[in-house]
Amino acid sequence: MKTTFKTIAIAVMVAMSTLSFAGKNGEKAEKAVSAELAVRIVAVDEASVAVIFAKLEGEEVKVKIYDAYGALVHTEKETEGTSFTKKFDISALPAGDYTYMVANDLYSVKKVIAKN
């Protein structure tokens, strides 16, 4: 039977979809992590960018925005709910390329959007 890289990768993702770590007094605590992040980062208009993603309840997902020089201009983390939709007002930012990064413990998605 031939095992492909894709089959192995899927098996690893399923196995790692829930990570365990030691909690207080040595008991095990479960930390839910999405097997994959479905993220949309879109320029809505000249003055705003929308970041949208689905996640597991209680999962920590971080949103970071960097300017063209790699300086962090915004950061936040979301742990509540199962979805995130936020429109970022970029009207006060200078023109240039901005990198939007959304990440959990296993995956990250980034997209560069130019502001004119």
Protein backbone atom coordinates (compact mmCIF):
# COMPACT_ATOMS: atom_id res chain seq x y z
CA MET A 1 0.00 0.00 0.00
CA LYS A 2 1.44 3.34 -1.07
CA THR A 3 1.40 6.15 1.52
CA THR A 4 1.54 9.64 0.11
CA PHE A 5 2.86 12.77 1.72
CA LYS A 6 -0.65 14.28 1.58
CA THR A 7 -2.10 11.33 3.54
CA ILE A 8 0.60 11.65 6.20
CA ALA A 9 0.11 15.43 6.41
CA ILE A 10 -3.64 15.02 6.91
CA ALA A 11 -3.07 12.40 9.63
CA VAL A 12 -0.64 14.73 11.43
CA MET A 13 -3.11 17.65 11.23
CA VAL A 14 -5.90 15.52 12.69
CA ALA A 15 -3.64 14.24 15.46
CA MET A 16 -2.48 17.76 16.33
CA SER A 17 -5.90 19.41 16.16
CA THR A 18 -6.07 19.18 19.95
CA LEU A 19 -2.90 19.86 21.92
CA SER A 20 -2.50 18.75 25.53
CA PHE A 21 -0.41 20.38 28.20
CA ALA A 22 -0.06 20.10 31.97
CA GLY A 23 -2.31 22.38 33.99
CA LYS A 24 -2.41 23.18 37.72
CA ASN A 25 -1.47 20.36 40.08
CA GLY A 26 -0.29 18.22 37.14
CA GLU A 27 -3.76 17.52 35.70
CA LYS A 28 -4.05 17.56 31.93
CA ALA A 29 -5.81 20.44 30.28
CA GLU A 30 -6.99 20.45 26.69
CA LYS A 31 -6.22 23.33 24.40
CA ALA A 32 -8.28 23.35 21.22
CA VAL A 33 -6.51 24.49 18.07
CA SER A 34 -8.06 24.68 14.61
CA ALA A 35 -6.66 22.20 12.11
CA GLU A 36 -6.56 25.04 9.58
CA LEU A 37 -7.31 28.75 9.64
CA ALA A 38 -9.81 29.94 7.05
CA VAL A 39 -8.92 33.62 6.86
CA ARG A 40 -10.07 36.39 4.53
CA ILE A 41 -8.17 39.68 4.47
CA VAL A 42 -9.66 42.15 1.99
CA ALA A 43 -9.41 45.84 1.18
CA VAL A 44 -12.97 47.11 1.56
CA ASP A 45 -12.22 50.58 0.21
CA GLU A 46 -9.40 53.14 0.32
CA ALA A 47 -9.91 53.70 4.04
CA SER A 48 -10.48 50.22 5.47
CA VAL A 49 -9.40 46.57 5.45
CA ALA A 50 -11.54 43.70 6.75
CA VAL A 51 -10.14 40.65 8.55
CA ILE A 52 -12.50 37.67 8.84
CA PHE A 53 -11.88 34.17 10.18
CA ALA A 54 -13.54 31.21 11.89
CA LYS A 55 -11.99 29.49 14.91
CA LEU A 56 -12.76 27.11 17.74
CA GLU A 57 -14.37 28.36 20.97
CA GLY A 58 -11.62 29.40 23.42
CA GLU A 59 -8.86 29.19 20.82
CA GLU A 60 -6.40 32.07 20.86
CA VAL A 61 -5.85 33.69 17.48
CA LYS A 62 -3.61 36.74 17.07
CA VAL A 63 -4.01 39.51 14.50
CA LYS A 64 -0.95 41.64 13.77
CA ILE A 65 -0.41 44.43 11.27
CA TYR A 66 3.07 45.52 10.14
CA ASP A 67 4.10 48.51 8.05
CA ALA A 68 6.42 48.41 5.03
CA TYR A 69 9.47 48.60 7.33
CA GLY A 70 8.38 45.63 9.46
CA ALA A 71 7.31 47.75 12.42
CA LEU A 72 4.27 46.42 14.31
CA VAL A 73 1.45 49.00 14.02
CA HIS A 74 -1.38 46.95 15.56
CA THR A 75 -1.81 43.73 17.54
CA GLU A 76 -4.72 42.02 19.24
CA LYS A 77 -5.73 38.53 20.25
CA GLU A 78 -9.13 36.95 20.10
CA THR A 79 -10.22 34.06 22.35
CA GLU A 80 -13.98 34.61 22.56
CA GLY A 81 -16.52 33.12 20.18
CA THR A 82 -16.04 31.10 17.02
CA SER A 83 -15.74 33.88 14.47
CA PHE A 84 -13.96 37.18 14.07
CA THR A 85 -14.92 40.02 11.76
CA LYS A 86 -13.26 43.38 12.11
CA LYS A 87 -12.94 46.35 9.82
CA PHE A 88 -9.68 48.23 10.36
CA ASP A 89 -9.70 51.98 9.65
CA ILE A 90 -6.47 52.70 7.78
CA SER A 91 -7.32 56.25 6.70
CA ALA A 92 -4.81 57.82 9.12
CA LEU A 93 -1.93 55.54 8.06
CA PRO A 94 0.62 56.78 5.52
CA ALA A 95 0.68 55.25 2.03
CA GLY A 96 2.62 52.01 1.70
CA ASP A 97 2.40 48.25 1.95
CA TYR A 98 0.95 46.73 5.13
CA THR A 99 1.25 43.07 6.10
CA TYR A 100 -1.74 41.54 7.89
CA MET A 101 -0.95 38.34 9.79
CA VAL A 102 -3.48 36.05 11.51
CA ALA A 103 -2.08 33.10 13.49
CA ASN A 104 -2.95 30.39 15.99
CA ASP A 105 -0.50 27.91 17.58
CA LEU A 106 -0.13 25.87 14.38
CA TYR A 107 -0.85 28.07 11.38
CA SER A 108 -0.42 31.60 10.16
CA VAL A 109 -1.89 33.42 7.21
CA LYS A 110 -0.49 36.68 5.93
CA LYS A 111 -1.40 39.07 3.19
CA VAL A 112 0.15 42.31 2.01
CA ILE A 113 -2.25 45.12 1.10
CA ALA A 114 -1.08 48.38 -0.40
CA LYS A 115 -2.53 51.65 0.85
CA ASN A 116 -2.39 54.48 -1.66
